[in-house]
Amino acid sequence: MVQLVNRAEVLGLLDEVGELADQLTPNEREMVSTIKAKYDGLGDESFDDKICIEVIIRNVGIREGFGMKPSEAAMRSIDLPTEGGDE
């Protein structure tokens, strides 16, 4: 069953994130594209689609606040220490 309130909120967020398209990383663009494709029809919707889009919009704001470009964010990596022997 389609949850109309959730669907309306997701569609509104998709419009909002569409205005930020040039500020998205490749992974974010792919996620938005996948969610948008789900909402072109009826049915295949997920409860966490709204959360995913909200996080993407939040991430754009964070990058903007730190003066980061989307290309810089995509290239960052965190080297975590590994446990075990030095073999």
N, C-alpha and C. Protein backbone atom coordinates (compact mmCIF):
# COMPACT_ATOMS: atom_id res chain seq x y z
N MET A 1 0.83 -1.18 0.00
CA MET A 1 0.00 0.00 0.00
C MET A 1 0.88 1.25 0.00
N VAL A 2 0.52 2.21 -0.77
CA VAL A 2 1.28 3.46 -0.88
C VAL A 2 0.94 4.34 0.32
N GLN A 3 1.96 4.84 0.98
CA GLN A 3 1.76 5.78 2.08
C GLN A 3 1.88 7.18 1.50
N LEU A 4 0.76 7.83 1.34
CA LEU A 4 0.71 9.09 0.60
C LEU A 4 1.49 10.22 1.27
N VAL A 5 1.47 10.29 2.59
CA VAL A 5 2.20 11.36 3.28
C VAL A 5 3.70 11.19 3.05
N ASN A 6 4.19 9.97 3.25
CA ASN A 6 5.62 9.70 3.04
C ASN A 6 5.99 9.97 1.59
N ARG A 7 5.16 9.53 0.66
CA ARG A 7 5.42 9.75 -0.77
C ARG A 7 5.51 11.24 -1.09
N ALA A 8 4.58 12.02 -0.55
CA ALA A 8 4.59 13.46 -0.80
C ALA A 8 5.85 14.11 -0.23
N GLU A 9 6.27 13.68 0.96
CA GLU A 9 7.48 14.23 1.56
C GLU A 9 8.71 13.88 0.73
N VAL A 10 8.79 12.63 0.27
CA VAL A 10 9.93 12.21 -0.54
C VAL A 10 9.96 12.97 -1.86
N LEU A 11 8.82 13.13 -2.49
CA LEU A 11 8.78 13.87 -3.75
C LEU A 11 9.19 15.33 -3.56
N GLY A 12 8.80 15.93 -2.42
CA GLY A 12 9.24 17.28 -2.12
C GLY A 12 10.74 17.36 -1.91
N LEU A 13 11.29 16.37 -1.22
CA LEU A 13 12.74 16.34 -1.00
C LEU A 13 13.49 16.08 -2.31
N LEU A 14 12.92 15.27 -3.18
CA LEU A 14 13.55 15.04 -4.49
C LEU A 14 13.62 16.34 -5.28
N ASP A 15 12.59 17.15 -5.20
CA ASP A 15 12.63 18.47 -5.85
C ASP A 15 13.72 19.34 -5.25
N GLU A 16 13.81 19.31 -3.91
CA GLU A 16 14.82 20.12 -3.22
C GLU A 16 16.23 19.68 -3.58
N VAL A 17 16.48 18.36 -3.59
CA VAL A 17 17.82 17.86 -3.90
C VAL A 17 18.12 18.06 -5.39
N GLY A 18 17.09 18.12 -6.21
CA GLY A 18 17.29 18.39 -7.64
C GLY A 18 17.90 19.75 -7.88
N GLU A 19 17.59 20.71 -7.01
CA GLU A 19 18.17 22.05 -7.12
C GLU A 19 19.64 22.06 -6.71
N LEU A 20 20.08 21.01 -6.01
CA LEU A 20 21.47 20.92 -5.54
C LEU A 20 22.30 19.95 -6.38
N ALA A 21 21.79 19.56 -7.53
CA ALA A 21 22.41 18.50 -8.33
C ALA A 21 23.88 18.73 -8.63
N ASP A 22 24.25 19.97 -8.85
CA ASP A 22 25.66 20.26 -9.18
C ASP A 22 26.58 20.17 -7.96
N GLN A 23 26.01 20.03 -6.78
CA GLN A 23 26.79 19.96 -5.55
C GLN A 23 26.86 18.53 -4.98
N LEU A 24 26.33 17.57 -5.72
CA LEU A 24 26.30 16.19 -5.24
C LEU A 24 27.55 15.42 -5.67
N THR A 25 27.95 14.48 -4.84
CA THR A 25 29.04 13.57 -5.21
C THR A 25 28.46 12.52 -6.15
N PRO A 26 29.31 11.79 -6.87
CA PRO A 26 28.79 10.74 -7.76
C PRO A 26 27.92 9.71 -7.03
N ASN A 27 28.32 9.32 -5.83
CA ASN A 27 27.52 8.35 -5.07
C ASN A 27 26.15 8.92 -4.70
N GLU A 28 26.12 10.19 -4.34
CA GLU A 28 24.85 10.83 -4.00
C GLU A 28 23.96 10.94 -5.23
N ARG A 29 24.56 11.29 -6.37
CA ARG A 29 23.77 11.36 -7.61
C ARG A 29 23.14 10.01 -7.94
N GLU A 30 23.91 8.95 -7.76
CA GLU A 30 23.41 7.60 -8.04
C GLU A 30 22.26 7.25 -7.10
N MET A 31 22.41 7.58 -5.82
CA MET A 31 21.35 7.29 -4.85
C MET A 31 20.09 8.07 -5.17
N VAL A 32 20.23 9.35 -5.49
CA VAL A 32 19.07 10.17 -5.84
C VAL A 32 18.40 9.62 -7.10
N SER A 33 19.19 9.22 -8.07
CA SER A 33 18.65 8.66 -9.30
C SER A 33 17.87 7.37 -9.03
N THR A 34 18.40 6.54 -8.17
CA THR A 34 17.74 5.28 -7.82
C THR A 34 16.41 5.55 -7.11
N ILE A 35 16.43 6.47 -6.16
CA ILE A 35 15.20 6.78 -5.42
C ILE A 35 14.18 7.42 -6.35
N LYS A 36 14.64 8.31 -7.20
CA LYS A 36 13.73 8.98 -8.14
C LYS A 36 13.06 7.97 -9.07
N ALA A 37 13.81 6.99 -9.53
CA ALA A 37 13.25 5.96 -10.40
C ALA A 37 12.17 5.15 -9.67
N LYS A 38 12.37 4.92 -8.39
CA LYS A 38 11.36 4.18 -7.61
C LYS A 38 10.07 4.98 -7.49
N TYR A 39 10.18 6.29 -7.41
CA TYR A 39 9.01 7.13 -7.19
C TYR A 39 8.36 7.59 -8.50
N ASP A 40 8.92 7.20 -9.63
CA ASP A 40 8.27 7.49 -10.92
C ASP A 40 7.02 6.64 -11.08
N GLY A 41 7.03 5.48 -10.48
CA GLY A 41 5.86 4.61 -10.52
C GLY A 41 5.24 4.52 -9.14
N LEU A 42 4.36 3.58 -8.96
CA LEU A 42 3.75 3.37 -7.66
C LEU A 42 4.21 2.04 -7.10
N GLY A 43 4.47 2.02 -5.82
CA GLY A 43 4.72 0.73 -5.20
C GLY A 43 6.06 0.55 -4.53
N ASP A 44 7.13 0.42 -5.25
CA ASP A 44 8.42 -0.04 -4.75
C ASP A 44 9.09 0.91 -3.76
N GLU A 45 8.33 1.63 -2.99
CA GLU A 45 8.88 2.64 -2.10
C GLU A 45 9.38 2.02 -0.81
N SER A 46 10.33 2.69 -0.17
CA SER A 46 10.93 2.18 1.05
C SER A 46 10.82 3.23 2.14
N PHE A 47 10.75 2.78 3.38
CA PHE A 47 10.60 3.71 4.50
C PHE A 47 11.81 4.61 4.69
N ASP A 48 12.98 4.18 4.22
CA ASP A 48 14.19 4.95 4.48
C ASP A 48 14.59 5.88 3.33
N ASP A 49 13.80 5.95 2.28
CA ASP A 49 14.12 6.84 1.16
C ASP A 49 14.17 8.30 1.62
N LYS A 50 13.23 8.69 2.44
CA LYS A 50 13.18 10.06 2.95
C LYS A 50 14.44 10.36 3.76
N ILE A 51 14.84 9.43 4.60
CA ILE A 51 16.03 9.63 5.42
C ILE A 51 17.27 9.77 4.55
N CYS A 52 17.39 8.94 3.52
CA CYS A 52 18.55 9.01 2.62
C CYS A 52 18.66 10.38 1.96
N ILE A 53 17.54 10.90 1.49
CA ILE A 53 17.58 12.21 0.82
C ILE A 53 17.89 13.32 1.83
N GLU A 54 17.33 13.22 3.03
CA GLU A 54 17.63 14.22 4.06
C GLU A 54 19.12 14.22 4.40
N VAL A 55 19.73 13.05 4.47
CA VAL A 55 21.17 12.95 4.77
C VAL A 55 21.98 13.56 3.64
N ILE A 56 21.59 13.31 2.40
CA ILE A 56 22.30 13.88 1.25
C ILE A 56 22.24 15.41 1.30
N ILE A 57 21.05 15.95 1.58
CA ILE A 57 20.90 17.41 1.67
C ILE A 57 21.74 17.95 2.82
N ARG A 58 21.76 17.24 3.94
CA ARG A 58 22.58 17.66 5.08
C ARG A 58 24.06 17.65 4.72
N ASN A 59 24.51 16.61 4.01
CA ASN A 59 25.91 16.51 3.62
C ASN A 59 26.32 17.65 2.69
N VAL A 60 25.43 18.04 1.79
CA VAL A 60 25.72 19.18 0.91
C VAL A 60 25.94 20.43 1.75
N GLY A 61 25.09 20.63 2.75
CA GLY A 61 25.23 21.79 3.63
C GLY A 61 26.53 21.76 4.43
N ILE A 62 26.91 20.58 4.89
CA ILE A 62 28.16 20.45 5.65
C ILE A 62 29.35 20.76 4.76
N ARG A 63 29.36 20.19 3.56
CA ARG A 63 30.47 20.47 2.64
C ARG A 63 30.54 21.95 2.32
N GLU A 64 29.40 22.56 2.11
CA GLU A 64 29.35 23.99 1.81
C GLU A 64 29.90 24.80 2.98
N GLY A 65 29.56 24.42 4.20
CA GLY A 65 30.03 25.10 5.39
C GLY A 65 31.55 25.02 5.57
N PHE A 66 32.13 23.91 5.11
CA PHE A 66 33.57 23.74 5.21
C PHE A 66 34.30 24.16 3.94
N GLY A 67 33.57 24.65 2.96
CA GLY A 67 34.18 25.10 1.72
C GLY A 67 34.74 23.97 0.87
N MET A 68 34.15 22.78 0.99
CA MET A 68 34.62 21.62 0.22
C MET A 68 33.83 21.50 -1.07
N LYS A 69 34.51 21.06 -2.09
CA LYS A 69 33.86 20.77 -3.36
C LYS A 69 33.43 19.31 -3.34
N PRO A 70 32.37 18.96 -4.09
CA PRO A 70 31.94 17.56 -4.13
C PRO A 70 33.05 16.62 -4.58
N SER A 71 33.90 17.08 -5.49
CA SER A 71 34.99 16.23 -5.98
C SER A 71 35.99 15.94 -4.88
N GLU A 72 36.18 16.87 -3.96
CA GLU A 72 37.10 16.64 -2.84
C GLU A 72 36.51 15.63 -1.86
N ALA A 73 35.22 15.71 -1.62
CA ALA A 73 34.57 14.81 -0.66
C ALA A 73 34.61 13.37 -1.16
N ALA A 74 34.48 13.20 -2.45
CA ALA A 74 34.46 11.85 -3.00
C ALA A 74 35.83 11.19 -2.94
N MET A 75 36.87 11.99 -2.89
CA MET A 75 38.22 11.44 -2.92
C MET A 75 38.79 11.18 -1.53
N ARG A 76 38.11 11.62 -0.49
CA ARG A 76 38.63 11.42 0.86
C ARG A 76 38.59 9.95 1.22
N SER A 77 39.56 9.54 2.00
CA SER A 77 39.54 8.19 2.54
C SER A 77 40.12 8.23 3.94
N ILE A 78 39.70 7.31 4.75
CA ILE A 78 40.16 7.24 6.12
C ILE A 78 40.90 5.92 6.27
N ASP A 79 42.16 6.01 6.63
CA ASP A 79 42.96 4.81 6.85
C ASP A 79 42.80 4.39 8.31
N LEU A 80 42.18 3.26 8.50
CA LEU A 80 41.98 2.75 9.85
C LEU A 80 43.10 1.79 10.20
N PRO A 81 43.54 1.83 11.45
CA PRO A 81 44.58 0.87 11.85
C PRO A 81 44.01 -0.54 11.83
N THR A 82 44.83 -1.46 11.43
CA THR A 82 44.39 -2.85 11.41
C THR A 82 44.98 -3.58 12.60
N GLU A 83 44.23 -4.50 13.11
CA GLU A 83 44.71 -5.28 14.24
C GLU A 83 45.35 -6.55 13.70
N GLY A 84 46.31 -7.02 14.40
CA GLY A 84 46.96 -8.25 13.99
C GLY A 84 48.45 -8.06 13.86
N GLY A 85 49.08 -9.07 13.35
CA GLY A 85 50.52 -9.02 13.19
C GLY A 85 50.97 -8.13 12.06
N ASP A 86 52.24 -7.82 12.07
CA ASP A 86 52.82 -6.98 11.00
C ASP A 86 53.36 -7.85 9.90
N GLU A 87 52.59 -8.77 9.42
CA GLU A 87 53.05 -9.72 8.41
C GLU A 87 52.80 -9.21 7.03
